[in-house]
Amino acid sequence: MMQPSIKPADEHSAGDIIARIGSLTRMLRDSLRELGLDQAIAEAAEAIPDARDR
C-alpha cells in the first residue's frame, strides 16, 4: 500500500494547505450526500437555536 508523503508543516505553503482542506471538505460533502445524510444534518443544524434565539 502506498503511503502519502508527509512533510513537516514548515515545508507546506499556505496555499497547499488551503487546497488540501478544500479537497477534503468536498470529499466529505460528497460522501455525506451519497449516504443520504446531507438532509438529516441540515435538519439537525436548523434545530440548533442561534445565539440570538436564546
PDB file of N, CA and C in Angstrom:
ATOM      1  N   MET A   1       0.846  -1.175   0.000  1.00  0.00           N
ATOM      2  CA  MET A   1       0.000   0.000   0.000  1.00  0.00           C
ATOM      3  C   MET A   1       0.890   1.236   0.000  1.00  0.00           C
ATOM      4  N   MET A   2       0.566   2.176  -0.837  1.00  0.00           N
ATOM      5  CA  MET A   2       1.378   3.380  -0.956  1.00  0.00           C
ATOM      6  C   MET A   2       0.909   4.424   0.056  1.00  0.00           C
ATOM      7  N   GLN A   3       1.805   4.916   0.850  1.00  0.00           N
ATOM      8  CA  GLN A   3       1.508   5.934   1.843  1.00  0.00           C
ATOM      9  C   GLN A   3       1.716   7.314   1.220  1.00  0.00           C
ATOM     10  N   PRO A   4       0.824   8.277   1.507  1.00  0.00           N
ATOM     11  CA  PRO A   4       1.062   9.630   1.006  1.00  0.00           C
ATOM     12  C   PRO A   4       2.289  10.216   1.684  1.00  0.00           C
ATOM     13  N   SER A   5       3.008  11.026   0.943  1.00  0.00           N
ATOM     14  CA  SER A   5       4.193  11.636   1.542  1.00  0.00           C
ATOM     15  C   SER A   5       3.745  12.695   2.545  1.00  0.00           C
ATOM     16  N   ILE A   6       4.359  12.669   3.690  1.00  0.00           N
ATOM     17  CA  ILE A   6       4.035  13.619   4.747  1.00  0.00           C
ATOM     18  C   ILE A   6       5.255  14.490   4.970  1.00  0.00           C
ATOM     19  N   LYS A   7       5.050  15.801   4.833  1.00  0.00           N
ATOM     20  CA  LYS A   7       6.137  16.754   5.022  1.00  0.00           C
ATOM     21  C   LYS A   7       5.899  17.521   6.318  1.00  0.00           C
ATOM     22  N   PRO A   8       6.950  18.000   6.914  1.00  0.00           N
ATOM     23  CA  PRO A   8       6.774  18.880   8.071  1.00  0.00           C
ATOM     24  C   PRO A   8       5.969  20.112   7.665  1.00  0.00           C
ATOM     25  N   ALA A   9       5.220  20.681   8.595  1.00  0.00           N
ATOM     26  CA  ALA A   9       4.339  21.808   8.297  1.00  0.00           C
ATOM     27  C   ALA A   9       5.078  22.982   7.672  1.00  0.00           C
ATOM     28  N   ASP A  10       6.326  23.202   8.053  1.00  0.00           N
ATOM     29  CA  ASP A  10       7.043  24.350   7.515  1.00  0.00           C
ATOM     30  C   ASP A  10       7.408  24.177   6.042  1.00  0.00           C
ATOM     31  N   GLU A  11       7.251  22.972   5.480  1.00  0.00           N
ATOM     32  CA  GLU A  11       7.543  22.757   4.069  1.00  0.00           C
ATOM     33  C   GLU A  11       6.301  22.919   3.197  1.00  0.00           C
ATOM     34  N   HIS A  12       5.144  23.111   3.799  1.00  0.00           N
ATOM     35  CA  HIS A  12       3.901  23.305   3.059  1.00  0.00           C
ATOM     36  C   HIS A  12       3.580  24.791   3.006  1.00  0.00           C
ATOM     37  N   SER A  13       3.150  25.246   1.839  1.00  0.00           N
ATOM     38  CA  SER A  13       2.732  26.640   1.748  1.00  0.00           C
ATOM     39  C   SER A  13       1.284  26.752   2.208  1.00  0.00           C
ATOM     40  N   ALA A  14       0.883  27.952   2.552  1.00  0.00           N
ATOM     41  CA  ALA A  14      -0.497  28.176   2.981  1.00  0.00           C
ATOM     42  C   ALA A  14      -1.461  27.773   1.870  1.00  0.00           C
ATOM     43  N   GLY A  15      -1.096  28.031   0.633  1.00  0.00           N
ATOM     44  CA  GLY A  15      -1.949  27.659  -0.493  1.00  0.00           C
ATOM     45  C   GLY A  15      -2.137  26.158  -0.597  1.00  0.00           C
ATOM     46  N   ASP A  16      -1.063  25.391  -0.350  1.00  0.00           N
ATOM     47  CA  ASP A  16      -1.157  23.931  -0.378  1.00  0.00           C
ATOM     48  C   ASP A  16      -2.112  23.426   0.701  1.00  0.00           C
ATOM     49  N   ILE A  17      -2.006  24.006   1.872  1.00  0.00           N
ATOM     50  CA  ILE A  17      -2.846  23.581   2.996  1.00  0.00           C
ATOM     51  C   ILE A  17      -4.307  23.919   2.724  1.00  0.00           C
ATOM     52  N   ILE A  18      -4.569  25.119   2.221  1.00  0.00           N
ATOM     53  CA  ILE A  18      -5.939  25.525   1.912  1.00  0.00           C
ATOM     54  C   ILE A  18      -6.525  24.648   0.816  1.00  0.00           C
ATOM     55  N   ALA A  19      -5.733  24.328  -0.197  1.00  0.00           N
ATOM     56  CA  ALA A  19      -6.204  23.456  -1.277  1.00  0.00           C
ATOM     57  C   ALA A  19      -6.539  22.071  -0.745  1.00  0.00           C
ATOM     58  N   ARG A  20      -5.731  21.551   0.152  1.00  0.00           N
ATOM     59  CA  ARG A  20      -5.981  20.222   0.728  1.00  0.00           C
ATOM     60  C   ARG A  20      -7.242  20.228   1.592  1.00  0.00           C
ATOM     61  N   ILE A  21      -7.419  21.280   2.386  1.00  0.00           N
ATOM     62  CA  ILE A  21      -8.631  21.398   3.204  1.00  0.00           C
ATOM     63  C   ILE A  21      -9.861  21.462   2.305  1.00  0.00           C
ATOM     64  N   GLY A  22      -9.778  22.219   1.225  1.00  0.00           N
ATOM     65  CA  GLY A  22     -10.892  22.305   0.279  1.00  0.00           C
ATOM     66  C   GLY A  22     -11.221  20.959  -0.331  1.00  0.00           C
ATOM     67  N   SER A  23     -10.184  20.218  -0.695  1.00  0.00           N
ATOM     68  CA  SER A  23     -10.374  18.891  -1.281  1.00  0.00           C
ATOM     69  C   SER A  23     -11.033  17.941  -0.285  1.00  0.00           C
ATOM     70  N   LEU A  24     -10.564  17.949   0.947  1.00  0.00           N
ATOM     71  CA  LEU A  24     -11.149  17.089   1.981  1.00  0.00           C
ATOM     72  C   LEU A  24     -12.599  17.473   2.277  1.00  0.00           C
ATOM     73  N   THR A  25     -12.882  18.771   2.273  1.00  0.00           N
ATOM     74  CA  THR A  25     -14.240  19.245   2.519  1.00  0.00           C
ATOM     75  C   THR A  25     -15.185  18.771   1.421  1.00  0.00           C
ATOM     76  N   ARG A  26     -14.740  18.870   0.165  1.00  0.00           N
ATOM     77  CA  ARG A  26     -15.567  18.395  -0.946  1.00  0.00           C
ATOM     78  C   ARG A  26     -15.797  16.896  -0.862  1.00  0.00           C
ATOM     79  N   MET A  27     -14.761  16.144  -0.502  1.00  0.00           N
ATOM     80  CA  MET A  27     -14.906  14.692  -0.369  1.00  0.00           C
ATOM     81  C   MET A  27     -15.916  14.347   0.729  1.00  0.00           C
ATOM     82  N   LEU A  28     -15.847  15.047   1.851  1.00  0.00           N
ATOM     83  CA  LEU A  28     -16.782  14.811   2.952  1.00  0.00           C
ATOM     84  C   LEU A  28     -18.206  15.140   2.526  1.00  0.00           C
ATOM     85  N   ARG A  29     -18.393  16.287   1.892  1.00  0.00           N
ATOM     86  CA  ARG A  29     -19.727  16.694   1.441  1.00  0.00           C
ATOM     87  C   ARG A  29     -20.306  15.682   0.455  1.00  0.00           C
ATOM     88  N   ASP A  30     -19.489  15.257  -0.504  1.00  0.00           N
ATOM     89  CA  ASP A  30     -19.946  14.275  -1.492  1.00  0.00           C
ATOM     90  C   ASP A  30     -20.292  12.940  -0.837  1.00  0.00           C
ATOM     91  N   SER A  31     -19.483  12.517   0.124  1.00  0.00           N
ATOM     92  CA  SER A  31     -19.738  11.249   0.818  1.00  0.00           C
ATOM     93  C   SER A  31     -21.029  11.312   1.622  1.00  0.00           C
ATOM     94  N   LEU A  32     -21.251  12.419   2.317  1.00  0.00           N
ATOM     95  CA  LEU A  32     -22.484  12.575   3.091  1.00  0.00           C
ATOM     96  C   LEU A  32     -23.701  12.561   2.172  1.00  0.00           C
ATOM     97  N   ARG A  33     -23.585  13.218   1.017  1.00  0.00           N
ATOM     98  CA  ARG A  33     -24.691  13.239   0.063  1.00  0.00           C
ATOM     99  C   ARG A  33     -24.960  11.831  -0.477  1.00  0.00           C
ATOM    100  N   GLU A  34     -23.899  11.093  -0.816  1.00  0.00           N
ATOM    101  CA  GLU A  34     -24.060   9.735  -1.337  1.00  0.00           C
ATOM    102  C   GLU A  34     -24.701   8.803  -0.308  1.00  0.00           C
ATOM    103  N   LEU A  35     -24.417   9.031   0.960  1.00  0.00           N
ATOM    104  CA  LEU A  35     -25.001   8.215   2.026  1.00  0.00           C
ATOM    105  C   LEU A  35     -26.411   8.673   2.406  1.00  0.00           C
ATOM    106  N   GLY A  36     -26.833   9.791   1.850  1.00  0.00           N
ATOM    107  CA  GLY A  36     -28.159  10.314   2.153  1.00  0.00           C
ATOM    108  C   GLY A  36     -28.235  11.028   3.482  1.00  0.00           C
ATOM    109  N   LEU A  37     -27.110  11.432   4.011  1.00  0.00           N
ATOM    110  CA  LEU A  37     -27.087  12.066   5.327  1.00  0.00           C
ATOM    111  C   LEU A  37     -27.087  13.587   5.264  1.00  0.00           C
ATOM    112  N   ASP A  38     -26.914  14.158   4.093  1.00  0.00           N
ATOM    113  CA  ASP A  38     -26.816  15.608   3.994  1.00  0.00           C
ATOM    114  C   ASP A  38     -28.092  16.300   4.467  1.00  0.00           C
ATOM    115  N   GLN A  39     -29.257  15.769   4.106  1.00  0.00           N
ATOM    116  CA  GLN A  39     -30.521  16.379   4.521  1.00  0.00           C
ATOM    117  C   GLN A  39     -30.727  16.235   6.028  1.00  0.00           C
ATOM    118  N   ALA A  40     -30.373  15.084   6.588  1.00  0.00           N
ATOM    119  CA  ALA A  40     -30.532  14.873   8.030  1.00  0.00           C
ATOM    120  C   ALA A  40     -29.642  15.835   8.816  1.00  0.00           C
ATOM    121  N   ILE A  41     -28.439  16.074   8.333  1.00  0.00           N
ATOM    122  CA  ILE A  41     -27.533  17.001   9.015  1.00  0.00           C
ATOM    123  C   ILE A  41     -28.057  18.426   8.907  1.00  0.00           C
ATOM    124  N   ALA A  42     -28.584  18.791   7.743  1.00  0.00           N
ATOM    125  CA  ALA A  42     -29.149  20.130   7.566  1.00  0.00           C
ATOM    126  C   ALA A  42     -30.330  20.341   8.516  1.00  0.00           C
ATOM    127  N   GLU A  43     -31.185  19.327   8.653  1.00  0.00           N
ATOM    128  CA  GLU A  43     -32.329  19.434   9.564  1.00  0.00           C
ATOM    129  C   GLU A  43     -31.869  19.544  11.017  1.00  0.00           C
ATOM    130  N   ALA A  44     -30.860  18.787  11.395  1.00  0.00           N
ATOM    131  CA  ALA A  44     -30.339  18.856  12.764  1.00  0.00           C
ATOM    132  C   ALA A  44     -29.730  20.229  13.037  1.00  0.00           C
ATOM    133  N   ALA A  45     -29.023  20.770  12.065  1.00  0.00           N
ATOM    134  CA  ALA A  45     -28.406  22.089  12.230  1.00  0.00           C
ATOM    135  C   ALA A  45     -29.471  23.170  12.374  1.00  0.00           C
ATOM    136  N   GLU A  46     -30.581  23.024  11.645  1.00  0.00           N
ATOM    137  CA  GLU A  46     -31.670  24.001  11.745  1.00  0.00           C
ATOM    138  C   GLU A  46     -32.323  23.957  13.127  1.00  0.00           C
ATOM    139  N   ALA A  47     -32.300  22.789  13.767  1.00  0.00           N
ATOM    140  CA  ALA A  47     -32.939  22.632  15.072  1.00  0.00           C
ATOM    141  C   ALA A  47     -32.124  23.261  16.200  1.00  0.00           C
ATOM    142  N   ILE A  48     -30.856  23.530  15.955  1.00  0.00           N
ATOM    143  CA  ILE A  48     -30.000  24.149  16.972  1.00  0.00           C
ATOM    144  C   ILE A  48     -30.291  25.647  16.994  1.00  0.00           C
ATOM    145  N   PRO A  49     -30.668  26.192  18.144  1.00  0.00           N
ATOM    146  CA  PRO A  49     -31.004  27.621  18.183  1.00  0.00           C
ATOM    147  C   PRO A  49     -29.765  28.500  18.011  1.00  0.00           C
ATOM    148  N   ASP A  50     -29.975  29.616  17.334  1.00  0.00           N
ATOM    149  CA  ASP A  50     -28.914  30.619  17.218  1.00  0.00           C
ATOM    150  C   ASP A  50     -28.738  31.306  18.567  1.00  0.00           C
ATOM    151  N   ALA A  51     -27.610  31.947  18.746  1.00  0.00           N
ATOM    152  CA  ALA A  51     -27.362  32.678  19.988  1.00  0.00           C
ATOM    153  C   ALA A  51     -28.410  33.772  20.173  1.00  0.00           C
ATOM    154  N   ARG A  52     -28.881  34.362  19.075  1.00  0.00           N
ATOM    155  CA  ARG A  52     -29.890  35.416  19.165  1.00  0.00           C
ATOM    156  C   ARG A  52     -31.230  34.871  19.663  1.00  0.00           C
ATOM    157  N   ASP A  53     -31.504  33.588  19.358  1.00  0.00           N
ATOM    158  CA  ASP A  53     -32.770  32.982  19.761  1.00  0.00           C
ATOM    159  C   ASP A  53     -32.789  32.588  21.231  1.00  0.00           C
ATOM    160  N   ARG A  54     -31.634  32.508  21.850  1.00  0.00           N
ATOM    161  CA  ARG A  54     -31.572  32.067  23.254  1.00  0.00           C
ATOM    162  C   ARG A  54     -31.869  33.182  24.146  1.00  0.00           C
TER     163      ARG A  54
END
